[in-house]
Amino acid sequence: MTSSFEKQLEDMISEYENARSSSKYDDASDVISNVQVRDLQTRCLAVIERASGRQSVYFERATALNQTTDHAWGHLAAQVGIAKSLLSDIKNGYLKSIEEIIHGDVFGDFLEMADHLAGSGY
C-alpha cells in the first residue's frame, strides 16, 4: 500500500522530472518559469517537512540549500534530490527510529497481555 507521503513525493518528483525531460538543461531553467520554480520549491519543502518532520536531516538539508549561492533552479534540483532520497527511505522502511521500534514492540506486548487476560476472564 502506498502511503500518502509516498504519493505526494512521487507526484512532486514526477512533475519535476517531466519538466526536466523536455529541457535542454539539467536544472530545467529553460522550461520552468521563475513563478513555477518557487511553487515547486515550496511544495517540495512542504512535503519533505510533512513526511519527515522539521528535525529530520531531510528537512534540514532542504532548508539549508536556500543559504547557498546557487540559483532557484539549482535549489529546486537539489530539493528534488532530497525528496528522492526521502522517498527511497520511506519505501524501504528506513525511517523508523530505534525508539519507534521499541514502542511498537512494547505496545504489541501490552496487546498480547491484554488479549491473554481478557481470554482468562480478567
PDB file of N, CA and C in Angstrom:
ATOM      1  N   MET A   1       0.838  -1.189   0.000  1.00  0.00           N
ATOM      2  CA  MET A   1       0.000   0.000   0.000  1.00  0.00           C
ATOM      3  C   MET A   1       0.881   1.250   0.000  1.00  0.00           C
ATOM      4  N   THR A   2       0.570   2.172  -0.848  1.00  0.00           N
ATOM      5  CA  THR A   2       1.330   3.408  -0.938  1.00  0.00           C
ATOM      6  C   THR A   2       0.785   4.409   0.068  1.00  0.00           C
ATOM      7  N   SER A   3       1.682   4.968   0.879  1.00  0.00           N
ATOM      8  CA  SER A   3       1.255   5.960   1.855  1.00  0.00           C
ATOM      9  C   SER A   3       0.993   7.292   1.161  1.00  0.00           C
ATOM     10  N   SER A   4       0.289   8.155   1.865  1.00  0.00           N
ATOM     11  CA  SER A   4       0.013   9.493   1.353  1.00  0.00           C
ATOM     12  C   SER A   4       1.323  10.245   1.093  1.00  0.00           C
ATOM     13  N   PHE A   5       2.292  10.051   1.983  1.00  0.00           N
ATOM     14  CA  PHE A   5       3.584  10.731   1.813  1.00  0.00           C
ATOM     15  C   PHE A   5       4.305  10.237   0.570  1.00  0.00           C
ATOM     16  N   GLU A   6       4.255   8.935   0.336  1.00  0.00           N
ATOM     17  CA  GLU A   6       4.890   8.389  -0.859  1.00  0.00           C
ATOM     18  C   GLU A   6       4.265   8.992  -2.109  1.00  0.00           C
ATOM     19  N   LYS A   7       2.948   9.051  -2.144  1.00  0.00           N
ATOM     20  CA  LYS A   7       2.239   9.604  -3.307  1.00  0.00           C
ATOM     21  C   LYS A   7       2.609  11.067  -3.520  1.00  0.00           C
ATOM     22  N   GLN A   8       2.630  11.841  -2.440  1.00  0.00           N
ATOM     23  CA  GLN A   8       2.979  13.261  -2.560  1.00  0.00           C
ATOM     24  C   GLN A   8       4.405  13.420  -3.093  1.00  0.00           C
ATOM     25  N   LEU A   9       5.326  12.644  -2.559  1.00  0.00           N
ATOM     26  CA  LEU A   9       6.716  12.716  -3.016  1.00  0.00           C
ATOM     27  C   LEU A   9       6.832  12.271  -4.471  1.00  0.00           C
ATOM     28  N   GLU A  10       6.167  11.172  -4.814  1.00  0.00           N
ATOM     29  CA  GLU A  10       6.206  10.689  -6.197  1.00  0.00           C
ATOM     30  C   GLU A  10       5.644  11.722  -7.166  1.00  0.00           C
ATOM     31  N   ASP A  11       4.539  12.358  -6.784  1.00  0.00           N
ATOM     32  CA  ASP A  11       3.938  13.383  -7.642  1.00  0.00           C
ATOM     33  C   ASP A  11       4.881  14.567  -7.847  1.00  0.00           C
ATOM     34  N   MET A  12       5.509  15.003  -6.761  1.00  0.00           N
ATOM     35  CA  MET A  12       6.450  16.121  -6.826  1.00  0.00           C
ATOM     36  C   MET A  12       7.617  15.799  -7.750  1.00  0.00           C
ATOM     37  N   ILE A  13       8.203  14.637  -7.512  1.00  0.00           N
ATOM     38  CA  ILE A  13       9.369  14.203  -8.288  1.00  0.00           C
ATOM     39  C   ILE A  13       8.986  14.052  -9.762  1.00  0.00           C
ATOM     40  N   SER A  14       7.843  13.441 -10.012  1.00  0.00           N
ATOM     41  CA  SER A  14       7.373  13.228 -11.380  1.00  0.00           C
ATOM     42  C   SER A  14       7.150  14.556 -12.105  1.00  0.00           C
ATOM     43  N   GLU A  15       6.543  15.502 -11.431  1.00  0.00           N
ATOM     44  CA  GLU A  15       6.297  16.813 -12.053  1.00  0.00           C
ATOM     45  C   GLU A  15       7.608  17.468 -12.463  1.00  0.00           C
ATOM     46  N   TYR A  16       8.593  17.405 -11.578  1.00  0.00           N
ATOM     47  CA  TYR A  16       9.899  17.988 -11.884  1.00  0.00           C
ATOM     48  C   TYR A  16      10.587  17.214 -13.017  1.00  0.00           C
ATOM     49  N   GLU A  17      10.579  15.892 -12.925  1.00  0.00           N
ATOM     50  CA  GLU A  17      11.246  15.069 -13.934  1.00  0.00           C
ATOM     51  C   GLU A  17      10.611  15.243 -15.311  1.00  0.00           C
ATOM     52  N   ASN A  18       9.283  15.406 -15.361  1.00  0.00           N
ATOM     53  CA  ASN A  18       8.614  15.645 -16.644  1.00  0.00           C
ATOM     54  C   ASN A  18       9.087  16.944 -17.272  1.00  0.00           C
ATOM     55  N   ALA A  19       9.195  17.980 -16.459  1.00  0.00           N
ATOM     56  CA  ALA A  19       9.690  19.261 -16.975  1.00  0.00           C
ATOM     57  C   ALA A  19      11.143  19.121 -17.419  1.00  0.00           C
ATOM     58  N   ARG A  20      11.921  18.434 -16.620  1.00  0.00           N
ATOM     59  CA  ARG A  20      13.346  18.266 -16.915  1.00  0.00           C
ATOM     60  C   ARG A  20      13.573  17.464 -18.199  1.00  0.00           C
ATOM     61  N   SER A  21      12.690  16.525 -18.476  1.00  0.00           N
ATOM     62  CA  SER A  21      12.866  15.686 -19.672  1.00  0.00           C
ATOM     63  C   SER A  21      12.692  16.484 -20.965  1.00  0.00           C
ATOM     64  N   SER A  22      11.972  17.596 -20.905  1.00  0.00           N
ATOM     65  CA  SER A  22      11.798  18.411 -22.105  1.00  0.00           C
ATOM     66  C   SER A  22      12.747  19.607 -22.133  1.00  0.00           C
ATOM     67  N   SER A  23      13.671  19.626 -21.193  1.00  0.00           N
ATOM     68  CA  SER A  23      14.614  20.739 -21.078  1.00  0.00           C
ATOM     69  C   SER A  23      15.955  20.394 -21.719  1.00  0.00           C
ATOM     70  N   LYS A  24      16.634  21.416 -22.167  1.00  0.00           N
ATOM     71  CA  LYS A  24      17.987  21.178 -22.678  1.00  0.00           C
ATOM     72  C   LYS A  24      19.033  21.376 -21.582  1.00  0.00           C
ATOM     73  N   TYR A  25      18.588  21.790 -20.385  1.00  0.00           N
ATOM     74  CA  TYR A  25      19.492  21.986 -19.247  1.00  0.00           C
ATOM     75  C   TYR A  25      19.125  21.042 -18.103  1.00  0.00           C
ATOM     76  N   ASP A  26      20.113  20.625 -17.348  1.00  0.00           N
ATOM     77  CA  ASP A  26      19.877  19.717 -16.212  1.00  0.00           C
ATOM     78  C   ASP A  26      18.941  20.293 -15.159  1.00  0.00           C
ATOM     79  N   ASP A  27      18.946  21.604 -15.006  1.00  0.00           N
ATOM     80  CA  ASP A  27      18.122  22.214 -13.953  1.00  0.00           C
ATOM     81  C   ASP A  27      16.744  22.656 -14.454  1.00  0.00           C
ATOM     82  N   ALA A  28      16.450  22.410 -15.710  1.00  0.00           N
ATOM     83  CA  ALA A  28      15.156  22.744 -16.326  1.00  0.00           C
ATOM     84  C   ALA A  28      14.853  24.242 -16.320  1.00  0.00           C
ATOM     85  N   SER A  29      15.862  25.057 -16.249  1.00  0.00           N
ATOM     86  CA  SER A  29      15.656  26.502 -16.171  1.00  0.00           C
ATOM     87  C   SER A  29      15.059  27.092 -17.444  1.00  0.00           C
ATOM     88  N   ASP A  30      15.106  26.356 -18.539  1.00  0.00           N
ATOM     89  CA  ASP A  30      14.524  26.868 -19.783  1.00  0.00           C
ATOM     90  C   ASP A  30      13.046  26.483 -19.950  1.00  0.00           C
ATOM     91  N   VAL A  31      12.523  25.599 -19.113  1.00  0.00           N
ATOM     92  CA  VAL A  31      11.123  25.183 -19.251  1.00  0.00           C
ATOM     93  C   VAL A  31      10.290  25.443 -17.993  1.00  0.00           C
ATOM     94  N   ILE A  32      10.937  25.797 -16.905  1.00  0.00           N
ATOM     95  CA  ILE A  32      10.219  26.117 -15.662  1.00  0.00           C
ATOM     96  C   ILE A  32      10.397  27.608 -15.397  1.00  0.00           C
ATOM     97  N   SER A  33       9.284  28.328 -15.339  1.00  0.00           N
ATOM     98  CA  SER A  33       9.351  29.774 -15.109  1.00  0.00           C
ATOM     99  C   SER A  33       9.775  30.066 -13.665  1.00  0.00           C
ATOM    100  N   ASN A  34      10.110  31.311 -13.411  1.00  0.00           N
ATOM    101  CA  ASN A  34      10.501  31.731 -12.063  1.00  0.00           C
ATOM    102  C   ASN A  34       9.372  31.472 -11.068  1.00  0.00           C
ATOM    103  N   VAL A  35       8.141  31.761 -11.469  1.00  0.00           N
ATOM    104  CA  VAL A  35       6.989  31.522 -10.591  1.00  0.00           C
ATOM    105  C   VAL A  35       6.826  30.029 -10.339  1.00  0.00           C
ATOM    106  N   GLN A  36       6.941  29.230 -11.380  1.00  0.00           N
ATOM    107  CA  GLN A  36       6.799  27.776 -11.235  1.00  0.00           C
ATOM    108  C   GLN A  36       7.892  27.181 -10.354  1.00  0.00           C
ATOM    109  N   VAL A  37       9.109  27.680 -10.500  1.00  0.00           N
ATOM    110  CA  VAL A  37      10.200  27.135  -9.694  1.00  0.00           C
ATOM    111  C   VAL A  37       9.955  27.423  -8.210  1.00  0.00           C
ATOM    112  N   ARG A  38       9.429  28.609  -7.894  1.00  0.00           N
ATOM    113  CA  ARG A  38       9.116  28.932  -6.493  1.00  0.00           C
ATOM    114  C   ARG A  38       7.960  28.071  -5.982  1.00  0.00           C
ATOM    115  N   ASP A  39       6.974  27.835  -6.839  1.00  0.00           N
ATOM    116  CA  ASP A  39       5.855  26.977  -6.475  1.00  0.00           C
ATOM    117  C   ASP A  39       6.350  25.559  -6.182  1.00  0.00           C
ATOM    118  N   LEU A  40       7.151  25.019  -7.083  1.00  0.00           N
ATOM    119  CA  LEU A  40       7.670  23.655  -6.902  1.00  0.00           C
ATOM    120  C   LEU A  40       8.575  23.562  -5.675  1.00  0.00           C
ATOM    121  N   GLN A  41       9.402  24.573  -5.452  1.00  0.00           N
ATOM    122  CA  GLN A  41      10.269  24.581  -4.269  1.00  0.00           C
ATOM    123  C   GLN A  41       9.438  24.545  -2.987  1.00  0.00           C
ATOM    124  N   THR A  42       8.420  25.363  -2.936  1.00  0.00           N
ATOM    125  CA  THR A  42       7.578  25.446  -1.740  1.00  0.00           C
ATOM    126  C   THR A  42       6.863  24.131  -1.493  1.00  0.00           C
ATOM    127  N   ARG A  43       6.284  23.573  -2.554  1.00  0.00           N
ATOM    128  CA  ARG A  43       5.577  22.295  -2.395  1.00  0.00           C
ATOM    129  C   ARG A  43       6.531  21.161  -2.043  1.00  0.00           C
ATOM    130  N   CYS A  44       7.720  21.177  -2.612  1.00  0.00           N
ATOM    131  CA  CYS A  44       8.715  20.149  -2.319  1.00  0.00           C
ATOM    132  C   CYS A  44       9.143  20.233  -0.848  1.00  0.00           C
ATOM    133  N   LEU A  45       9.429  21.438  -0.390  1.00  0.00           N
ATOM    134  CA  LEU A  45       9.823  21.632   1.001  1.00  0.00           C
ATOM    135  C   LEU A  45       8.691  21.240   1.950  1.00  0.00           C
ATOM    136  N   ALA A  46       7.465  21.569   1.581  1.00  0.00           N
ATOM    137  CA  ALA A  46       6.313  21.231   2.422  1.00  0.00           C
ATOM    138  C   ALA A  46       6.133  19.723   2.550  1.00  0.00           C
ATOM    139  N   VAL A  47       6.272  18.991   1.454  1.00  0.00           N
ATOM    140  CA  VAL A  47       6.090  17.535   1.532  1.00  0.00           C
ATOM    141  C   VAL A  47       7.245  16.891   2.289  1.00  0.00           C
ATOM    142  N   ILE A  48       8.432  17.417   2.144  1.00  0.00           N
ATOM    143  CA  ILE A  48       9.566  16.896   2.916  1.00  0.00           C
ATOM    144  C   ILE A  48       9.312  17.106   4.406  1.00  0.00           C
ATOM    145  N   GLU A  49       8.818  18.279   4.772  1.00  0.00           N
ATOM    146  CA  GLU A  49       8.513  18.557   6.179  1.00  0.00           C
ATOM    147  C   GLU A  49       7.396  17.645   6.696  1.00  0.00           C
ATOM    148  N   ARG A  50       6.315  17.514   5.912  1.00  0.00           N
ATOM    149  CA  ARG A  50       5.193  16.662   6.343  1.00  0.00           C
ATOM    150  C   ARG A  50       5.625  15.215   6.519  1.00  0.00           C
ATOM    151  N   ALA A  51       6.433  14.732   5.598  1.00  0.00           N
ATOM    152  CA  ALA A  51       6.806  13.315   5.600  1.00  0.00           C
ATOM    153  C   ALA A  51       7.880  12.974   6.621  1.00  0.00           C
ATOM    154  N   SER A  52       8.755  13.934   6.932  1.00  0.00           N
ATOM    155  CA  SER A  52       9.890  13.589   7.791  1.00  0.00           C
ATOM    156  C   SER A  52      10.014  14.428   9.060  1.00  0.00           C
ATOM    157  N   GLY A  53       9.310  15.556   9.120  1.00  0.00           N
ATOM    158  CA  GLY A  53       9.389  16.416  10.302  1.00  0.00           C
ATOM    159  C   GLY A  53      10.464  17.475  10.186  1.00  0.00           C
ATOM    160  N   ARG A  54      10.328  18.499  11.000  1.00  0.00           N
ATOM    161  CA  ARG A  54      11.257  19.635  10.965  1.00  0.00           C
ATOM    162  C   ARG A  54      12.655  19.293  11.482  1.00  0.00           C
ATOM    163  N   GLN A  55      12.761  18.271  12.305  1.00  0.00           N
ATOM    164  CA  GLN A  55      14.048  17.924  12.904  1.00  0.00           C
ATOM    165  C   GLN A  55      14.827  16.898  12.086  1.00  0.00           C
ATOM    166  N   SER A  56      14.268  16.464  10.958  1.00  0.00           N
ATOM    167  CA  SER A  56      14.927  15.429  10.161  1.00  0.00           C
ATOM    168  C   SER A  56      16.085  16.005   9.356  1.00  0.00           C
ATOM    169  N   VAL A  57      16.998  15.140   9.004  1.00  0.00           N
ATOM    170  CA  VAL A  57      18.123  15.540   8.168  1.00  0.00           C
ATOM    171  C   VAL A  57      17.626  15.973   6.784  1.00  0.00           C
ATOM    172  N   TYR A  58      16.535  15.383   6.320  1.00  0.00           N
ATOM    173  CA  TYR A  58      15.983  15.735   5.011  1.00  0.00           C
ATOM    174  C   TYR A  58      15.532  17.197   5.007  1.00  0.00           C
ATOM    175  N   PHE A  59      14.748  17.566   6.014  1.00  0.00           N
ATOM    176  CA  PHE A  59      14.241  18.929   6.087  1.00  0.00           C
ATOM    177  C   PHE A  59      15.381  19.920   6.313  1.00  0.00           C
ATOM    178  N   GLU A  60      16.297  19.563   7.198  1.00  0.00           N
ATOM    179  CA  GLU A  60      17.423  20.460   7.481  1.00  0.00           C
ATOM    180  C   GLU A  60      18.252  20.711   6.233  1.00  0.00           C
ATOM    181  N   ARG A  61      18.522  19.660   5.464  1.00  0.00           N
ATOM    182  CA  ARG A  61      19.305  19.831   4.233  1.00  0.00           C
ATOM    183  C   ARG A  61      18.531  20.636   3.192  1.00  0.00           C
ATOM    184  N   ALA A  62      17.234  20.372   3.080  1.00  0.00           N
ATOM    185  CA  ALA A  62      16.418  21.080   2.092  1.00  0.00           C
ATOM    186  C   ALA A  62      16.341  22.572   2.400  1.00  0.00           C
ATOM    187  N   THR A  63      16.240  22.932   3.669  1.00  0.00           N
ATOM    188  CA  THR A  63      16.182  24.351   4.029  1.00  0.00           C
ATOM    189  C   THR A  63      17.560  25.005   3.962  1.00  0.00           C
ATOM    190  N   ALA A  64      18.604  24.248   4.237  1.00  0.00           N
ATOM    191  CA  ALA A  64      19.964  24.805   4.185  1.00  0.00           C
ATOM    192  C   ALA A  64      20.351  25.205   2.762  1.00  0.00           C
ATOM    193  N   LEU A  65      19.728  24.589   1.780  1.00  0.00           N
ATOM    194  CA  LEU A  65      20.040  24.916   0.390  1.00  0.00           C
ATOM    195  C   LEU A  65      19.792  26.381   0.077  1.00  0.00           C
ATOM    196  N   ASN A  66      18.802  26.954   0.734  1.00  0.00           N
ATOM    197  CA  ASN A  66      18.470  28.354   0.465  1.00  0.00           C
ATOM    198  C   ASN A  66      19.564  29.311   0.919  1.00  0.00           C
ATOM    199  N   GLN A  67      20.504  28.818   1.695  1.00  0.00           N
ATOM    200  CA  GLN A  67      21.618  29.647   2.151  1.00  0.00           C
ATOM    201  C   GLN A  67      22.795  29.618   1.175  1.00  0.00           C
ATOM    202  N   THR A  68      22.722  28.754   0.172  1.00  0.00           N
ATOM    203  CA  THR A  68      23.808  28.666  -0.799  1.00  0.00           C
ATOM    204  C   THR A  68      23.626  29.719  -1.888  1.00  0.00           C
ATOM    205  N   THR A  69      24.635  29.889  -2.684  1.00  0.00           N
ATOM    206  CA  THR A  69      24.599  30.921  -3.726  1.00  0.00           C
ATOM    207  C   THR A  69      24.021  30.419  -5.043  1.00  0.00           C
ATOM    208  N   ASP A  70      23.611  29.175  -5.086  1.00  0.00           N
ATOM    209  CA  ASP A  70      23.032  28.620  -6.311  1.00  0.00           C
ATOM    210  C   ASP A  70      21.724  29.349  -6.637  1.00  0.00           C
ATOM    211  N   HIS A  71      21.309  29.312  -7.882  1.00  0.00           N
ATOM    212  CA  HIS A  71      20.055  29.951  -8.293  1.00  0.00           C
ATOM    213  C   HIS A  71      18.869  29.063  -7.924  1.00  0.00           C
ATOM    214  N   ALA A  72      17.663  29.586  -8.039  1.00  0.00           N
ATOM    215  CA  ALA A  72      16.440  28.893  -7.616  1.00  0.00           C
ATOM    216  C   ALA A  72      16.277  27.541  -8.303  1.00  0.00           C
ATOM    217  N   TRP A  73      16.642  27.436  -9.575  1.00  0.00           N
ATOM    218  CA  TRP A  73      16.505  26.179 -10.298  1.00  0.00           C
ATOM    219  C   TRP A  73      17.486  25.145  -9.749  1.00  0.00           C
ATOM    220  N   GLY A  74      18.649  25.591  -9.359  1.00  0.00           N
ATOM    221  CA  GLY A  74      19.625  24.691  -8.735  1.00  0.00           C
ATOM    222  C   GLY A  74      19.143  24.220  -7.371  1.00  0.00           C
ATOM    223  N   HIS A  75      18.551  25.146  -6.608  1.00  0.00           N
ATOM    224  CA  HIS A  75      17.974  24.769  -5.305  1.00  0.00           C
ATOM    225  C   HIS A  75      16.873  23.730  -5.490  1.00  0.00           C
ATOM    226  N   LEU A  76      16.012  23.960  -6.478  1.00  0.00           N
ATOM    227  CA  LEU A  76      14.915  23.026  -6.733  1.00  0.00           C
ATOM    228  C   LEU A  76      15.459  21.651  -7.107  1.00  0.00           C
ATOM    229  N   ALA A  77      16.444  21.606  -7.975  1.00  0.00           N
ATOM    230  CA  ALA A  77      17.030  20.323  -8.387  1.00  0.00           C
ATOM    231  C   ALA A  77      17.572  19.580  -7.163  1.00  0.00           C
ATOM    232  N   ALA A  78      18.233  20.300  -6.280  1.00  0.00           N
ATOM    233  CA  ALA A  78      18.783  19.680  -5.073  1.00  0.00           C
ATOM    234  C   ALA A  78      17.667  19.233  -4.127  1.00  0.00           C
ATOM    235  N   GLN A  79      16.616  20.036  -3.997  1.00  0.00           N
ATOM    236  CA  GLN A  79      15.497  19.653  -3.128  1.00  0.00           C
ATOM    237  C   GLN A  79      14.795  18.410  -3.666  1.00  0.00           C
ATOM    238  N   VAL A  80      14.658  18.314  -4.969  1.00  0.00           N
ATOM    239  CA  VAL A  80      14.055  17.122  -5.558  1.00  0.00           C
ATOM    240  C   VAL A  80      14.950  15.908  -5.292  1.00  0.00           C
ATOM    241  N   GLY A  81      16.252  16.094  -5.325  1.00  0.00           N
ATOM    242  CA  GLY A  81      17.172  15.012  -4.973  1.00  0.00           C
ATOM    243  C   GLY A  81      16.965  14.544  -3.541  1.00  0.00           C
ATOM    244  N   ILE A  82      16.753  15.482  -2.638  1.00  0.00           N
ATOM    245  CA  ILE A  82      16.474  15.141  -1.235  1.00  0.00           C
ATOM    246  C   ILE A  82      15.138  14.421  -1.132  1.00  0.00           C
ATOM    247  N   ALA A  83      14.145  14.885  -1.889  1.00  0.00           N
ATOM    248  CA  ALA A  83      12.832  14.230  -1.895  1.00  0.00           C
ATOM    249  C   ALA A  83      12.961  12.790  -2.398  1.00  0.00           C
ATOM    250  N   LYS A  84      13.795  12.554  -3.406  1.00  0.00           N
ATOM    251  CA  LYS A  84      14.023  11.198  -3.910  1.00  0.00           C
ATOM    252  C   LYS A  84      14.641  10.316  -2.826  1.00  0.00           C
ATOM    253  N   SER A  85      15.582  10.869  -2.102  1.00  0.00           N
ATOM    254  CA  SER A  85      16.218  10.129  -1.012  1.00  0.00           C
ATOM    255  C   SER A  85      15.207   9.770   0.069  1.00  0.00           C
ATOM    256  N   LEU A  86      14.385  10.730   0.432  1.00  0.00           N
ATOM    257  CA  LEU A  86      13.347  10.502   1.439  1.00  0.00           C
ATOM    258  C   LEU A  86      12.365   9.436   0.965  1.00  0.00           C
ATOM    259  N   LEU A  87      11.936   9.527  -0.276  1.00  0.00           N
ATOM    260  CA  LEU A  87      11.007   8.540  -0.828  1.00  0.00           C
ATOM    261  C   LEU A  87      11.606   7.140  -0.776  1.00  0.00           C
ATOM    262  N   SER A  88      12.850   7.025  -1.159  1.00  0.00           N
ATOM    263  CA  SER A  88      13.528   5.730  -1.125  1.00  0.00           C
ATOM    264  C   SER A  88      13.579   5.175   0.298  1.00  0.00           C
ATOM    265  N   ASP A  89      13.905   6.029   1.252  1.00  0.00           N
ATOM    266  CA  ASP A  89      13.980   5.585   2.643  1.00  0.00           C
ATOM    267  C   ASP A  89      12.610   5.183   3.188  1.00  0.00           C
ATOM    268  N   ILE A  90      11.573   5.910   2.801  1.00  0.00           N
ATOM    269  CA  ILE A  90      10.211   5.546   3.229  1.00  0.00           C
ATOM    270  C   ILE A  90       9.843   4.186   2.651  1.00  0.00           C
ATOM    271  N   LYS A  91      10.066   4.006   1.353  1.00  0.00           N
ATOM    272  CA  LYS A  91       9.702   2.754   0.693  1.00  0.00           C
ATOM    273  C   LYS A  91      10.460   1.562   1.268  1.00  0.00           C
ATOM    274  N   ASN A  92      11.676   1.791   1.712  1.00  0.00           N
ATOM    275  CA  ASN A  92      12.484   0.705   2.255  1.00  0.00           C
ATOM    276  C   ASN A  92      12.350   0.550   3.766  1.00  0.00           C
ATOM    277  N   GLY A  93      11.493   1.366   4.390  1.00  0.00           N
ATOM    278  CA  GLY A  93      11.244   1.249   5.823  1.00  0.00           C
ATOM    279  C   GLY A  93      12.371   1.734   6.706  1.00  0.00           C
ATOM    280  N   TYR A  94      13.201   2.647   6.193  1.00  0.00           N
ATOM    281  CA  TYR A  94      14.363   3.109   6.942  1.00  0.00           C
ATOM    282  C   TYR A  94      14.089   4.288   7.865  1.00  0.00           C
ATOM    283  N   LEU A  95      12.869   4.803   7.898  1.00  0.00           N
ATOM    284  CA  LEU A  95      12.599   5.990   8.706  1.00  0.00           C
ATOM    285  C   LEU A  95      12.280   5.681  10.161  1.00  0.00           C
ATOM    286  N   LYS A  96      12.060   4.435  10.471  1.00  0.00           N
ATOM    287  CA  LYS A  96      11.747   4.094  11.854  1.00  0.00           C
ATOM    288  C   LYS A  96      12.991   4.232  12.721  1.00  0.00           C
ATOM    289  N   SER A  97      12.853   4.977  13.792  1.00  0.00           N
ATOM    290  CA  SER A  97      13.961   5.107  14.736  1.00  0.00           C
ATOM    291  C   SER A  97      13.915   3.934  15.702  1.00  0.00           C
ATOM    292  N   ILE A  98      14.970   3.738  16.431  1.00  0.00           N
ATOM    293  CA  ILE A  98      15.009   2.670  17.428  1.00  0.00           C
ATOM    294  C   ILE A  98      13.910   2.885  18.465  1.00  0.00           C
ATOM    295  N   GLU A  99      13.620   4.142  18.785  1.00  0.00           N
ATOM    296  CA  GLU A  99      12.557   4.461  19.749  1.00  0.00           C
ATOM    297  C   GLU A  99      11.202   3.986  19.229  1.00  0.00           C
ATOM    298  N   GLU A 100      10.928   4.224  17.946  1.00  0.00           N
ATOM    299  CA  GLU A 100       9.660   3.780  17.364  1.00  0.00           C
ATOM    300  C   GLU A 100       9.554   2.257  17.356  1.00  0.00           C
ATOM    301  N   ILE A 101      10.645   1.595  17.063  1.00  0.00           N
ATOM    302  CA  ILE A 101      10.648   0.132  17.038  1.00  0.00           C
ATOM    303  C   ILE A 101      10.373  -0.429  18.430  1.00  0.00           C
ATOM    304  N   ILE A 102      11.012   0.145  19.445  1.00  0.00           N
ATOM    305  CA  ILE A 102      10.798  -0.304  20.827  1.00  0.00           C
ATOM    306  C   ILE A 102       9.365  -0.036  21.254  1.00  0.00           C
ATOM    307  N   HIS A 103       8.852   1.166  20.941  1.00  0.00           N
ATOM    308  CA  HIS A 103       7.462   1.481  21.283  1.00  0.00           C
ATOM    309  C   HIS A 103       6.503   0.483  20.640  1.00  0.00           C
ATOM    310  N   GLY A 104       6.740   0.152  19.391  1.00  0.00           N
ATOM    311  CA  GLY A 104       5.897  -0.803  18.693  1.00  0.00           C
ATOM    312  C   GLY A 104       5.941  -2.177  19.343  1.00  0.00           C
ATOM    313  N   ASP A 105       7.140  -2.617  19.740  1.00  0.00           N
ATOM    314  CA  ASP A 105       7.276  -3.914  20.401  1.00  0.00           C
ATOM    315  C   ASP A 105       6.583  -3.924  21.752  1.00  0.00           C
ATOM    316  N   VAL A 106       6.759  -2.855  22.538  1.00  0.00           N
ATOM    317  CA  VAL A 106       6.131  -2.766  23.858  1.00  0.00           C
ATOM    318  C   VAL A 106       4.617  -2.730  23.711  1.00  0.00           C
ATOM    319  N   PHE A 107       4.121  -1.932  22.769  1.00  0.00           N
ATOM    320  CA  PHE A 107       2.682  -1.847  22.542  1.00  0.00           C
ATOM    321  C   PHE A 107       2.139  -3.212  22.138  1.00  0.00           C
ATOM    322  N   GLY A 108       2.856  -3.918  21.284  1.00  0.00           N
ATOM    323  CA  GLY A 108       2.449  -5.258  20.876  1.00  0.00           C
ATOM    324  C   GLY A 108       2.399  -6.206  22.060  1.00  0.00           C
ATOM    325  N   ASP A 109       3.385  -6.094  22.951  1.00  0.00           N
ATOM    326  CA  ASP A 109       3.389  -6.931  24.157  1.00  0.00           C
ATOM    327  C   ASP A 109       2.180  -6.639  25.032  1.00  0.00           C
ATOM    328  N   PHE A 110       1.844  -5.373  25.201  1.00  0.00           N
ATOM    329  CA  PHE A 110       0.677  -4.998  26.003  1.00  0.00           C
ATOM    330  C   PHE A 110      -0.612  -5.541  25.400  1.00  0.00           C
ATOM    331  N   LEU A 111      -0.725  -5.463  24.093  1.00  0.00           N
ATOM    332  CA  LEU A 111      -1.918  -6.003  23.436  1.00  0.00           C
ATOM    333  C   LEU A 111      -2.011  -7.512  23.620  1.00  0.00           C
ATOM    334  N   GLU A 112      -0.872  -8.163  23.513  1.00  0.00           N
ATOM    335  CA  GLU A 112      -0.839  -9.608  23.714  1.00  0.00           C
ATOM    336  C   GLU A 112      -1.242  -9.974  25.147  1.00  0.00           C
ATOM    337  N   MET A 113      -0.707  -9.215  26.121  1.00  0.00           N
ATOM    338  CA  MET A 113      -1.072  -9.458  27.529  1.00  0.00           C
ATOM    339  C   MET A 113      -2.551  -9.180  27.760  1.00  0.00           C
ATOM    340  N   ALA A 114      -3.063  -8.113  27.189  1.00  0.00           N
ATOM    341  CA  ALA A 114      -4.476  -7.761  27.369  1.00  0.00           C
ATOM    342  C   ALA A 114      -5.368  -8.839  26.762  1.00  0.00           C
ATOM    343  N   ASP A 115      -4.985  -9.334  25.615  1.00  0.00           N
ATOM    344  CA  ASP A 115      -5.764 -10.400  24.979  1.00  0.00           C
ATOM    345  C   ASP A 115      -5.762 -11.658  25.844  1.00  0.00           C
ATOM    346  N   HIS A 116      -4.604 -11.996  26.377  1.00  0.00           N
ATOM    347  CA  HIS A 116      -4.496 -13.171  27.255  1.00  0.00           C
ATOM    348  C   HIS A 116      -5.351 -13.002  28.512  1.00  0.00           C
ATOM    349  N   LEU A 117      -5.263 -11.814  29.146  1.00  0.00           N
ATOM    350  CA  LEU A 117      -6.039 -11.570  30.369  1.00  0.00           C
ATOM    351  C   LEU A 117      -7.535 -11.562  30.089  1.00  0.00           C
ATOM    352  N   ALA A 118      -7.935 -10.969  28.959  1.00  0.00           N
ATOM    353  CA  ALA A 118      -9.364 -10.943  28.599  1.00  0.00           C
ATOM    354  C   ALA A 118      -9.858 -12.364  28.344  1.00  0.00           C
ATOM    355  N   GLY A 119      -9.032 -13.178  27.717  1.00  0.00           N
ATOM    356  CA  GLY A 119      -9.396 -14.560  27.448  1.00  0.00           C
ATOM    357  C   GLY A 119      -9.445 -15.406  28.710  1.00  0.00           C
ATOM    358  N   SER A 120      -8.766 -14.954  29.760  1.00  0.00           N
ATOM    359  CA  SER A 120      -8.745 -15.681  31.027  1.00  0.00           C
ATOM    360  C   SER A 120      -9.809 -15.194  31.993  1.00  0.00           C
ATOM    361  N   GLY A 121     -10.649 -14.276  31.530  1.00  0.00           N
ATOM    362  CA  GLY A 121     -11.741 -13.791  32.359  1.00  0.00           C
ATOM    363  C   GLY A 121     -11.426 -12.587  33.234  1.00  0.00           C
ATOM    364  N   TYR A 122     -10.294 -11.958  33.038  1.00  0.00           N
ATOM    365  CA  TYR A 122      -9.960 -10.753  33.833  1.00  0.00           C
ATOM    366  C   TYR A 122     -10.473  -9.497  33.174  1.00  0.00           C
TER     367      TYR A 122
END
